[in-house]
Structure formats: structure tokens, C-alpha cells
Amino acid sequence: MKTRRSSQIAGLAGLLLAAAAGGFSCQKVDAPAPLKIVTSASGAEMVLIPAGWFEMGSARGKADEAPAHKVWVDAFLMDRTEVTQEQYGKLFPANPSHFKDPRRPMEQISWAKAAVYCNARSKGEGLEPCYDEDSGACNFAASGYRLPTEAEWEYAARAGSVADYGFGNGAHELKDYAWFEENSGKTTHLVGQKKANAWGLFDMHGNVAEWCNDVYAEDYYARSPEKNPRGPADGKRYVLRGGAWNSSAEACRAAYRVGENPGFQDACFARDAIGFRCVRRAPAGME
């Protein structure tokens, strides 16, 4: 039986058709070491993000970033960069991106297309796909690729920092780590050109906003579980994180949240500013 959530998103196939139609301390804590960087069977570099606790949200940001709360995240692997047009093209030849270049991030990607890519990448590597392509439900126990949970995304973006950004509170430093409205020239850029964060991840701030697996709810943090939160069961919008080439410095903060229509109908966020990166659960023995 399909859940209310699955009926709202009308399955991945339905979204694809629709898309086609239309106050913490400013000090940083030390990142755990050593970090492990692995190369997937399809050639993507991934970082092993260690399990741990962190403070999610912000007491100084928007209302939907509160309350700040302690969260535990299990270990997982995350792409070092946003999925590029070259990587996407190995599985799907059609490239809907506005700013075309093999090494630029994929954009104009609906939540459904991102999930279908995750499944195709999983199958290509002999892994168990995470997504049911009829309902959109995610099997977190599967070995394959999926979109990060909102908690996983923020944990990875902070990389041990308790500040506004992964590198600290100084927005004047953002240009060294991100492409955003002040330095992007109104376009995306090749991935991995700015400084990586302390955990070896590029473009966690800026370039393109990244889909998370979670349904968005403004008040979710008030009822979020302490360990491995996965978002509300129901809702019409999904979470975007990280800001993009056309975002303000404020919108690139690690705690900043946006809820967006998964298929772009009545989108409030520019389509060519939306992309994604993949994660998968840490294989046994790698945690």
C-alpha cells in the first residue's frame, strides 16, 4: 500500500513526467583523522564520513533552523563533489543542464531524476538500489546510492565546525570555498575549484543547491529524533541545502534550509541552481 508521502510525490515516474512538462561558538573543533578517500567502481571519489554527534541547526538563523539540537549520524560515504555532467552522462545521455560543461555540476535536476540516477549508479556497480521507483520510498538498509539525509548533509558540511560555515563564521572567507552571488559571474563553475572543507568535500557551500532525501517541514526540528533523523513522513516539498551560484552568503550557511517542489512545479528556486551529490552507507568494516 502506498503511503501518503508516496501519493503526494506520485512516484518517481510521475515526477519525471511532470518535470519534463514544465548561537554557537565561532571556534572550530578538530576534524577526526585520518579521513579515508575511496574511488567508487564508477570512478567517483568519495569520502568516508565518520560517525558522530553534532549540533544541528542554529539559534541565530531562520525560524526553521531552530531549535538547535544534538544529533547522531552513522558513518557513510559521500561524493567529494556534486555530480557532474560527465558522471551523469555515463548513465543518461540527455543533459538538461543550462550551463553545459562535462566538469560542471548537473543542474535543472528534479528530486526524482536525482533518485533515478542514484538507482542507476547502484545497479551499474552491482549494489542494491535504495529507491522504489513507484513510491519514491528509500530503503536505508540497501547497499546502493541515495541522496543524503538533511542531517548527514549538514554534518558533512560542518566537518567538525560549530560555526556558520565549515571554515568558520567569516563570510568574507566564503569566496575561497564557494561560488555564490558575489563571485560566480551568474553561472556555475567546474567542481572542485575552491578549497575543500576539513573533511575533503568540495562545493558544500555554493555552486548548486543540493537535494536531500528528506521531506521539508518548517517545524521538524522540534520533533526530530536524536539518532539518524530522516525527515517527516509526509509533505509536498523536499529539502535543498548549501546555497548556489546565485545565493547570498547568508543562504550558503551550513544550517540554512530551503523547501522546494521536487518536480519544479511552481518552483521558487532557479532550476539551473539545483543539483545533487550521492551518499551510501559505509560498507561493513569501513566504519
Foldseek 3Di string as FASTA:
>chain_A
DADQALVLLQFLVVLVVLLVPDPDDQDFDAFDDDWDWDAAPLGFIKIWDAWDKDFFFDPPADLLRDDTDIATEHIWIWGQKFAFLLSLCVQPVDQPAPDDDRQAHRFLAFQSNQLVSQQSVQVVRVWHRQADRRRRHGNQVTQTKDFAALVVLLCLQLSRGPAQGVVGPDLVCVVQQEQAQVHPPPAADGWPPHDGGSRNHGQSAARAWAWGSEADDSHQVVPADRYPGRYDPHDQWTKTAQYYNHDDSSRRTSNHIDTAGRSCDVGPDDRNRYGHIMMGGDPPPRD
